[in-house]
């Protein structure tokens, strides 16, 4: 009998911070959260919305980097205004 040991494969990710005008209620936040989670490469559990600050945070694989034009269109389609985007590399944890 063969046993295989499955080790997690970690890849670098990009962390995104969006400044969004108009995020005022949980229902509004849910709409934009659904659209972000639908993007290819987005880690669903990483989406965080800070209503009082108008900030949306999430992480995505570096292989599927999301450009600012795509994010601007997504935010506009959700009924909001994108004021800025910051990205930062997130390195995998050391083992």
N, C-alpha and C. Protein backbone atom coordinates (compact mmCIF):
# COMPACT_ATOMS: atom_id res chain seq x y z
N UNK A 1 0.84 -1.17 0.00
CA UNK A 1 0.00 0.00 0.00
C UNK A 1 0.89 1.24 0.00
N UNK A 2 0.56 2.18 -0.85
CA UNK A 2 1.34 3.41 -0.94
C UNK A 2 0.62 4.53 -0.21
N UNK A 3 1.40 5.30 0.51
CA UNK A 3 0.85 6.46 1.20
C UNK A 3 1.47 7.71 0.62
N UNK A 4 0.66 8.63 0.30
CA UNK A 4 1.17 9.90 -0.23
C UNK A 4 0.97 10.97 0.83
N UNK A 5 1.98 11.75 1.01
CA UNK A 5 1.91 12.85 1.97
C UNK A 5 1.65 14.12 1.18
N UNK A 6 0.53 14.71 1.40
CA UNK A 6 0.17 15.94 0.69
C UNK A 6 0.65 17.14 1.49
N UNK A 7 1.60 17.84 0.93
CA UNK A 7 2.10 19.05 1.56
C UNK A 7 1.46 20.26 0.90
N UNK A 8 1.15 21.28 1.66
CA UNK A 8 0.55 22.46 1.05
C UNK A 8 1.54 23.13 0.11
N UNK A 9 1.04 23.57 -1.00
CA UNK A 9 1.87 24.29 -1.95
C UNK A 9 1.53 25.76 -1.79
N UNK A 10 2.53 26.54 -1.45
CA UNK A 10 2.32 27.97 -1.22
C UNK A 10 2.86 28.74 -2.40
N UNK A 11 2.11 29.67 -2.86
CA UNK A 11 2.59 30.57 -3.90
C UNK A 11 2.46 31.99 -3.37
N UNK A 12 3.25 32.86 -3.94
CA UNK A 12 3.17 34.26 -3.52
C UNK A 12 1.82 34.82 -3.92
N UNK A 13 1.34 35.74 -3.14
CA UNK A 13 0.06 36.38 -3.43
C UNK A 13 0.24 37.89 -3.43
N UNK A 14 -0.72 38.56 -4.01
CA UNK A 14 -0.77 40.01 -3.95
C UNK A 14 -1.91 40.40 -3.03
N UNK A 15 -1.62 41.36 -2.17
CA UNK A 15 -2.64 41.91 -1.28
C UNK A 15 -3.12 43.22 -1.90
N UNK A 16 -4.43 43.37 -2.00
CA UNK A 16 -5.03 44.56 -2.60
C UNK A 16 -5.76 45.36 -1.53
N UNK A 17 -5.61 46.67 -1.60
CA UNK A 17 -6.38 47.57 -0.74
C UNK A 17 -7.06 48.59 -1.65
N UNK A 18 -8.39 48.58 -1.64
CA UNK A 18 -9.16 49.51 -2.46
C UNK A 18 -9.79 50.56 -1.56
N UNK A 19 -9.69 51.82 -1.97
CA UNK A 19 -10.42 52.89 -1.28
C UNK A 19 -11.67 53.15 -2.10
N UNK A 20 -12.83 52.93 -1.48
CA UNK A 20 -14.10 52.99 -2.20
C UNK A 20 -15.04 53.97 -1.52
N UNK A 21 -15.58 54.91 -2.31
CA UNK A 21 -16.59 55.84 -1.79
C UNK A 21 -17.96 55.20 -1.89
N UNK A 22 -18.78 55.40 -0.86
CA UNK A 22 -20.17 54.97 -0.90
C UNK A 22 -20.47 53.69 -0.13
N UNK A 23 -19.47 53.06 0.46
CA UNK A 23 -19.72 51.84 1.25
C UNK A 23 -20.28 52.26 2.61
N UNK A 24 -21.60 52.20 2.74
CA UNK A 24 -22.22 52.71 3.95
C UNK A 24 -23.00 51.67 4.74
N UNK A 25 -23.33 50.55 4.13
CA UNK A 25 -24.16 49.57 4.84
C UNK A 25 -23.73 48.15 4.48
N UNK A 26 -24.09 47.18 5.31
CA UNK A 26 -23.71 45.79 5.03
C UNK A 26 -24.24 45.27 3.70
N UNK A 27 -25.43 45.71 3.29
CA UNK A 27 -25.98 45.27 2.01
C UNK A 27 -25.10 45.75 0.86
N UNK A 28 -24.63 47.00 0.94
CA UNK A 28 -23.72 47.55 -0.08
C UNK A 28 -22.43 46.74 -0.11
N UNK A 29 -21.92 46.44 1.06
CA UNK A 29 -20.67 45.68 1.16
C UNK A 29 -20.82 44.30 0.55
N UNK A 30 -21.96 43.67 0.76
CA UNK A 30 -22.19 42.33 0.22
C UNK A 30 -22.12 42.33 -1.30
N UNK A 31 -22.67 43.35 -1.93
CA UNK A 31 -22.66 43.44 -3.38
C UNK A 31 -21.26 43.49 -3.95
N UNK A 32 -20.41 44.30 -3.37
CA UNK A 32 -19.04 44.41 -3.88
C UNK A 32 -18.23 43.17 -3.50
N UNK A 33 -18.51 42.59 -2.34
CA UNK A 33 -17.82 41.37 -1.91
C UNK A 33 -18.08 40.23 -2.90
N UNK A 34 -19.32 40.06 -3.33
CA UNK A 34 -19.67 39.02 -4.30
C UNK A 34 -18.90 39.20 -5.60
N UNK A 35 -18.80 40.43 -6.08
CA UNK A 35 -18.10 40.69 -7.33
C UNK A 35 -16.61 40.40 -7.21
N UNK A 36 -16.01 40.74 -6.08
CA UNK A 36 -14.58 40.48 -5.88
C UNK A 36 -14.32 38.98 -5.79
N UNK A 37 -15.15 38.27 -5.05
CA UNK A 37 -14.97 36.83 -4.91
C UNK A 37 -15.13 36.10 -6.24
N UNK A 38 -15.85 36.69 -7.19
CA UNK A 38 -16.05 36.07 -8.50
C UNK A 38 -14.82 36.21 -9.40
N UNK A 39 -13.88 37.09 -9.04
CA UNK A 39 -12.68 37.25 -9.84
C UNK A 39 -11.79 36.02 -9.72
N UNK A 40 -11.21 35.60 -10.84
CA UNK A 40 -10.33 34.44 -10.84
C UNK A 40 -9.08 34.73 -10.01
N UNK A 41 -8.71 33.79 -9.16
CA UNK A 41 -7.50 33.90 -8.36
C UNK A 41 -7.67 34.53 -6.99
N UNK A 42 -8.86 35.05 -6.70
CA UNK A 42 -9.09 35.69 -5.40
C UNK A 42 -9.33 34.61 -4.35
N UNK A 43 -8.61 34.74 -3.23
CA UNK A 43 -8.81 33.84 -2.10
C UNK A 43 -10.07 34.30 -1.38
N UNK A 44 -11.16 33.53 -1.50
CA UNK A 44 -12.46 33.95 -0.98
C UNK A 44 -12.44 34.33 0.50
N UNK A 45 -11.68 33.59 1.29
CA UNK A 45 -11.65 33.87 2.72
C UNK A 45 -10.87 35.13 3.05
N UNK A 46 -10.19 35.71 2.05
CA UNK A 46 -9.36 36.88 2.32
C UNK A 46 -10.10 38.21 2.18
N UNK A 47 -11.33 38.21 1.67
CA UNK A 47 -12.05 39.46 1.43
C UNK A 47 -12.52 40.06 2.75
N UNK A 48 -12.10 41.30 2.99
CA UNK A 48 -12.48 42.02 4.21
C UNK A 48 -12.94 43.42 3.82
N UNK A 49 -14.08 43.82 4.33
CA UNK A 49 -14.61 45.15 4.02
C UNK A 49 -14.75 45.94 5.32
N UNK A 50 -14.14 47.11 5.32
CA UNK A 50 -14.21 48.01 6.48
C UNK A 50 -15.14 49.17 6.12
N UNK A 51 -16.40 49.01 6.50
CA UNK A 51 -17.43 49.98 6.11
C UNK A 51 -17.10 51.41 6.53
N UNK A 52 -16.75 51.61 7.77
CA UNK A 52 -16.53 52.97 8.29
C UNK A 52 -15.35 53.66 7.63
N UNK A 53 -14.41 52.87 7.09
CA UNK A 53 -13.22 53.45 6.47
C UNK A 53 -13.32 53.49 4.95
N UNK A 54 -14.29 52.79 4.37
CA UNK A 54 -14.40 52.73 2.92
C UNK A 54 -13.25 51.96 2.28
N UNK A 55 -12.82 50.90 2.97
CA UNK A 55 -11.67 50.11 2.49
C UNK A 55 -12.11 48.68 2.23
N UNK A 56 -11.64 48.14 1.11
CA UNK A 56 -11.87 46.74 0.76
C UNK A 56 -10.50 46.09 0.63
N UNK A 57 -10.29 45.00 1.37
CA UNK A 57 -9.02 44.27 1.34
C UNK A 57 -9.26 42.86 0.83
N UNK A 58 -8.33 42.36 0.01
CA UNK A 58 -8.38 40.97 -0.42
C UNK A 58 -7.04 40.55 -0.98
N UNK A 59 -6.85 39.24 -1.14
CA UNK A 59 -5.63 38.69 -1.70
C UNK A 59 -5.96 37.86 -2.92
N UNK A 60 -5.00 37.83 -3.87
CA UNK A 60 -5.16 37.04 -5.10
C UNK A 60 -3.81 36.47 -5.50
N UNK A 61 -3.84 35.36 -6.23
CA UNK A 61 -2.61 34.75 -6.74
C UNK A 61 -1.88 35.73 -7.65
N UNK A 62 -0.54 35.66 -7.62
CA UNK A 62 0.24 36.53 -8.50
C UNK A 62 0.07 36.15 -9.96
N UNK A 63 -0.25 34.87 -10.24
CA UNK A 63 -0.43 34.44 -11.63
C UNK A 63 -1.65 35.10 -12.26
N UNK A 64 -2.59 35.52 -11.45
CA UNK A 64 -3.80 36.15 -11.98
C UNK A 64 -3.92 37.58 -11.43
N UNK A 65 -2.83 38.32 -11.54
CA UNK A 65 -2.83 39.70 -11.05
C UNK A 65 -3.98 40.48 -11.70
N UNK A 66 -4.63 41.29 -10.91
CA UNK A 66 -5.81 42.03 -11.35
C UNK A 66 -5.41 43.49 -11.56
N UNK A 67 -5.63 44.00 -12.76
CA UNK A 67 -5.20 45.37 -13.04
C UNK A 67 -6.21 46.39 -12.51
N UNK A 68 -5.75 47.63 -12.42
CA UNK A 68 -6.59 48.69 -11.84
C UNK A 68 -7.84 48.95 -12.68
N UNK A 69 -7.72 48.85 -14.00
CA UNK A 69 -8.89 49.08 -14.86
C UNK A 69 -10.00 48.07 -14.57
N UNK A 70 -9.63 46.81 -14.34
CA UNK A 70 -10.61 45.78 -14.01
C UNK A 70 -11.28 46.08 -12.67
N UNK A 71 -10.47 46.48 -11.69
CA UNK A 71 -11.01 46.81 -10.37
C UNK A 71 -11.92 48.04 -10.43
N UNK A 72 -11.51 49.03 -11.22
CA UNK A 72 -12.32 50.25 -11.35
C UNK A 72 -13.69 49.90 -11.96
N UNK A 73 -13.69 49.05 -12.99
CA UNK A 73 -14.94 48.66 -13.64
C UNK A 73 -15.82 47.86 -12.67
N UNK A 74 -15.21 46.96 -11.90
CA UNK A 74 -15.94 46.15 -10.93
C UNK A 74 -16.63 47.04 -9.90
N UNK A 75 -15.88 48.00 -9.37
CA UNK A 75 -16.42 48.90 -8.35
C UNK A 75 -17.52 49.79 -8.94
N UNK A 76 -17.31 50.28 -10.15
CA UNK A 76 -18.32 51.11 -10.82
C UNK A 76 -19.59 50.31 -11.08
N UNK A 77 -19.43 49.07 -11.56
CA UNK A 77 -20.59 48.21 -11.82
C UNK A 77 -21.38 47.91 -10.55
N UNK A 78 -20.68 47.91 -9.40
CA UNK A 78 -21.35 47.67 -8.13
C UNK A 78 -22.01 48.94 -7.59
N UNK A 79 -21.80 50.08 -8.28
CA UNK A 79 -22.45 51.32 -7.88
C UNK A 79 -21.63 52.22 -6.98
N UNK A 80 -20.31 52.03 -6.98
CA UNK A 80 -19.43 52.81 -6.11
C UNK A 80 -18.36 53.51 -6.93
N UNK A 81 -17.56 54.34 -6.25
CA UNK A 81 -16.46 55.05 -6.90
C UNK A 81 -15.15 54.58 -6.30
N UNK A 82 -14.24 54.14 -7.16
CA UNK A 82 -12.91 53.71 -6.71
C UNK A 82 -12.02 54.94 -6.60
N UNK A 83 -11.45 55.17 -5.42
CA UNK A 83 -10.59 56.33 -5.19
C UNK A 83 -9.11 55.99 -5.22
N UNK A 84 -8.78 54.72 -5.06
CA UNK A 84 -7.37 54.34 -5.07
C UNK A 84 -7.18 52.86 -4.88
N UNK A 85 -6.03 52.37 -5.38
CA UNK A 85 -5.68 50.96 -5.26
C UNK A 85 -4.23 50.87 -4.81
N UNK A 86 -3.98 50.05 -3.80
CA UNK A 86 -2.62 49.74 -3.37
C UNK A 86 -2.45 48.24 -3.45
N UNK A 87 -1.29 47.80 -3.95
CA UNK A 87 -1.00 46.37 -3.96
C UNK A 87 0.33 46.14 -3.26
N UNK A 88 0.45 44.95 -2.69
CA UNK A 88 1.67 44.59 -1.97
C UNK A 88 1.84 43.08 -2.07
N UNK A 89 3.09 42.65 -2.27
CA UNK A 89 3.37 41.21 -2.33
C UNK A 89 3.27 40.61 -0.94
N UNK A 90 2.68 39.42 -0.88
CA UNK A 90 2.59 38.66 0.36
C UNK A 90 3.35 37.37 0.13
N UNK A 91 4.44 37.19 0.84
CA UNK A 91 5.26 36.00 0.66
C UNK A 91 4.67 34.83 1.43
N UNK A 92 4.87 33.62 0.92
CA UNK A 92 4.38 32.43 1.63
C UNK A 92 5.13 32.26 2.95
N UNK A 93 4.50 31.63 3.94
CA UNK A 93 5.15 31.43 5.24
C UNK A 93 6.31 30.45 5.12
N UNK A 94 7.35 30.64 5.94
CA UNK A 94 8.48 29.71 5.98
C UNK A 94 8.06 28.44 6.70
N UNK A 95 8.59 27.33 6.23
CA UNK A 95 8.26 26.06 6.90
C UNK A 95 9.45 25.57 7.66
